[in-house]
Amino acid sequence: MQWKNKRQYNSYTIRLKDVKSCQFINRSSTNFIEQLTLTFTFKDNAKSNLTLDFYHNELDSTEIADELQLIQKWDKLINERMKEID
């Protein structure tokens, strides 16, 4: 698969039992989405927050596709699962 940008892709394994919170962040200006991220804060304060970009207007195509629905889905699933773990 070829990408039209120079974004670097990484894989992460996140143990939800180690996560304190997962927050969906939508950085937008008027009618324009700049960045969509999920930010994980860990129970162990020695671990840095982990931010996963779902969309970034400077790195991705200029038109957003289904990223907003996708990140909302993952935010809901992750937070529901974290409640079950506690």
C-alpha atoms as a PDB file:
ATOM      1  CA  MET A   1       0.000   0.000   0.000  1.00  0.00           C
ATOM      2  CA  GLN A   2       1.312   3.455  -0.842  1.00  0.00           C
ATOM      3  CA  TRP A   3       0.685   6.572   1.199  1.00  0.00           C
ATOM      4  CA  LYS A   4       0.583  10.120  -0.126  1.00  0.00           C
ATOM      5  CA  ASN A   5       2.311  11.525   2.937  1.00  0.00           C
ATOM      6  CA  LYS A   6       5.484  10.989   4.899  1.00  0.00           C
ATOM      7  CA  ARG A   7       3.737   9.782   8.058  1.00  0.00           C
ATOM      8  CA  GLN A   8       5.567   7.132  10.038  1.00  0.00           C
ATOM      9  CA  TYR A   9       3.408   4.280  11.304  1.00  0.00           C
ATOM     10  CA  ASN A  10       4.102   2.486  14.565  1.00  0.00           C
ATOM     11  CA  SER A  11       2.478  -0.414  16.408  1.00  0.00           C
ATOM     12  CA  TYR A  12       1.649  -0.304  20.084  1.00  0.00           C
ATOM     13  CA  THR A  13       0.308  -2.821  22.555  1.00  0.00           C
ATOM     14  CA  ILE A  14      -1.559  -1.032  25.320  1.00  0.00           C
ATOM     15  CA  ARG A  15      -2.584  -2.953  28.420  1.00  0.00           C
ATOM     16  CA  LEU A  16      -5.845  -1.306  29.410  1.00  0.00           C
ATOM     17  CA  LYS A  17      -5.411  -2.373  33.033  1.00  0.00           C
ATOM     18  CA  ASP A  18      -2.376  -0.027  33.101  1.00  0.00           C
ATOM     19  CA  VAL A  19      -4.341   2.919  31.688  1.00  0.00           C
ATOM     20  CA  LYS A  20      -5.758   5.615  33.952  1.00  0.00           C
ATOM     21  CA  SER A  21      -7.715   7.377  31.206  1.00  0.00           C
ATOM     22  CA  CYS A  22      -8.262   7.475  27.467  1.00  0.00           C
ATOM     23  CA  GLN A  23      -9.356  10.790  26.010  1.00  0.00           C
ATOM     24  CA  PHE A  24     -10.585  11.650  22.524  1.00  0.00           C
ATOM     25  CA  ILE A  25      -9.296  15.071  21.470  1.00  0.00           C
ATOM     26  CA  ASN A  26     -10.729  16.941  18.497  1.00  0.00           C
ATOM     27  CA  ARG A  27      -8.622  19.997  17.653  1.00  0.00           C
ATOM     28  CA  SER A  28     -10.754  22.102  15.362  1.00  0.00           C
ATOM     29  CA  SER A  29     -11.301  25.605  14.221  1.00  0.00           C
ATOM     30  CA  THR A  30     -14.569  26.831  12.744  1.00  0.00           C
ATOM     31  CA  ASN A  31     -15.836  24.018  10.482  1.00  0.00           C
ATOM     32  CA  PHE A  32     -12.304  22.646  10.020  1.00  0.00           C
ATOM     33  CA  ILE A  33     -10.807  19.620  11.781  1.00  0.00           C
ATOM     34  CA  GLU A  34      -7.076  20.012  12.340  1.00  0.00           C
ATOM     35  CA  GLN A  35      -6.282  16.909  14.387  1.00  0.00           C
ATOM     36  CA  LEU A  36      -8.035  13.885  15.899  1.00  0.00           C
ATOM     37  CA  THR A  37      -6.186  11.980  18.618  1.00  0.00           C
ATOM     38  CA  LEU A  38      -6.645   9.453  21.388  1.00  0.00           C
ATOM     39  CA  THR A  39      -4.464  10.198  24.389  1.00  0.00           C
ATOM     40  CA  PHE A  40      -3.723   7.501  26.965  1.00  0.00           C
ATOM     41  CA  THR A  41      -2.678   8.473  30.478  1.00  0.00           C
ATOM     42  CA  PHE A  42      -1.135   5.663  32.502  1.00  0.00           C
ATOM     43  CA  LYS A  43      -1.622   4.802  36.174  1.00  0.00           C
ATOM     44  CA  ASP A  44       2.156   4.701  36.575  1.00  0.00           C
ATOM     45  CA  ASN A  45       3.166   8.380  36.531  1.00  0.00           C
ATOM     46  CA  ALA A  46       6.642   7.378  35.349  1.00  0.00           C
ATOM     47  CA  LYS A  47       5.133   6.427  31.974  1.00  0.00           C
ATOM     48  CA  SER A  48       4.601   9.246  29.517  1.00  0.00           C
ATOM     49  CA  ASN A  49       1.217   9.811  27.937  1.00  0.00           C
ATOM     50  CA  LEU A  50       0.752   8.063  24.615  1.00  0.00           C
ATOM     51  CA  THR A  51      -1.004  10.028  21.872  1.00  0.00           C
ATOM     52  CA  LEU A  52      -2.293   8.243  18.794  1.00  0.00           C
ATOM     53  CA  ASP A  53      -3.081  10.375  15.752  1.00  0.00           C
ATOM     54  CA  PHE A  54      -6.108   9.305  13.759  1.00  0.00           C
ATOM     55  CA  TYR A  55      -5.979  12.389  11.563  1.00  0.00           C
ATOM     56  CA  HIS A  56      -3.657  15.378  11.212  1.00  0.00           C
ATOM     57  CA  ASN A  57      -4.409  17.903   8.484  1.00  0.00           C
ATOM     58  CA  GLU A  58      -0.707  18.639   7.854  1.00  0.00           C
ATOM     59  CA  LEU A  59       0.220  14.963   7.419  1.00  0.00           C
ATOM     60  CA  ASP A  60      -2.876  13.404   5.885  1.00  0.00           C
ATOM     61  CA  SER A  61      -4.914  14.165   2.824  1.00  0.00           C
ATOM     62  CA  THR A  62      -6.731  17.479   2.940  1.00  0.00           C
ATOM     63  CA  GLU A  63     -10.122  15.794   3.089  1.00  0.00           C
ATOM     64  CA  ILE A  64     -11.158  13.861   6.159  1.00  0.00           C
ATOM     65  CA  ALA A  65     -12.908  10.575   5.410  1.00  0.00           C
ATOM     66  CA  ASP A  66     -14.305   8.370   8.182  1.00  0.00           C
ATOM     67  CA  GLU A  67     -11.646   9.179  10.784  1.00  0.00           C
ATOM     68  CA  LEU A  68     -14.073  11.075  13.045  1.00  0.00           C
ATOM     69  CA  GLN A  69     -16.492   8.139  13.256  1.00  0.00           C
ATOM     70  CA  LEU A  70     -13.610   5.707  13.678  1.00  0.00           C
ATOM     71  CA  ILE A  71     -11.992   7.568  16.571  1.00  0.00           C
ATOM     72  CA  GLN A  72     -15.364   8.016  18.304  1.00  0.00           C
ATOM     73  CA  LYS A  73     -15.960   4.268  17.984  1.00  0.00           C
ATOM     74  CA  TRP A  74     -12.546   3.412  19.469  1.00  0.00           C
ATOM     75  CA  ASP A  75     -12.915   5.952  22.267  1.00  0.00           C
ATOM     76  CA  LYS A  76     -16.246   4.418  23.279  1.00  0.00           C
ATOM     77  CA  LEU A  77     -14.985   0.807  23.052  1.00  0.00           C
ATOM     78  CA  ILE A  78     -11.816   1.495  25.029  1.00  0.00           C
ATOM     79  CA  ASN A  79     -13.564   3.450  27.789  1.00  0.00           C
ATOM     80  CA  GLU A  80     -16.300   0.806  28.121  1.00  0.00           C
ATOM     81  CA  ARG A  81     -13.671  -1.918  28.396  1.00  0.00           C
ATOM     82  CA  MET A  82     -11.718   0.079  31.003  1.00  0.00           C
ATOM     83  CA  LYS A  83     -14.879   0.308  33.161  1.00  0.00           C
ATOM     84  CA  GLU A  84     -15.225  -3.492  32.996  1.00  0.00           C
ATOM     85  CA  ILE A  85     -11.622  -3.944  34.122  1.00  0.00           C
ATOM     86  CA  ASP A  86     -11.956  -1.719  37.221  1.00  0.00           C
END
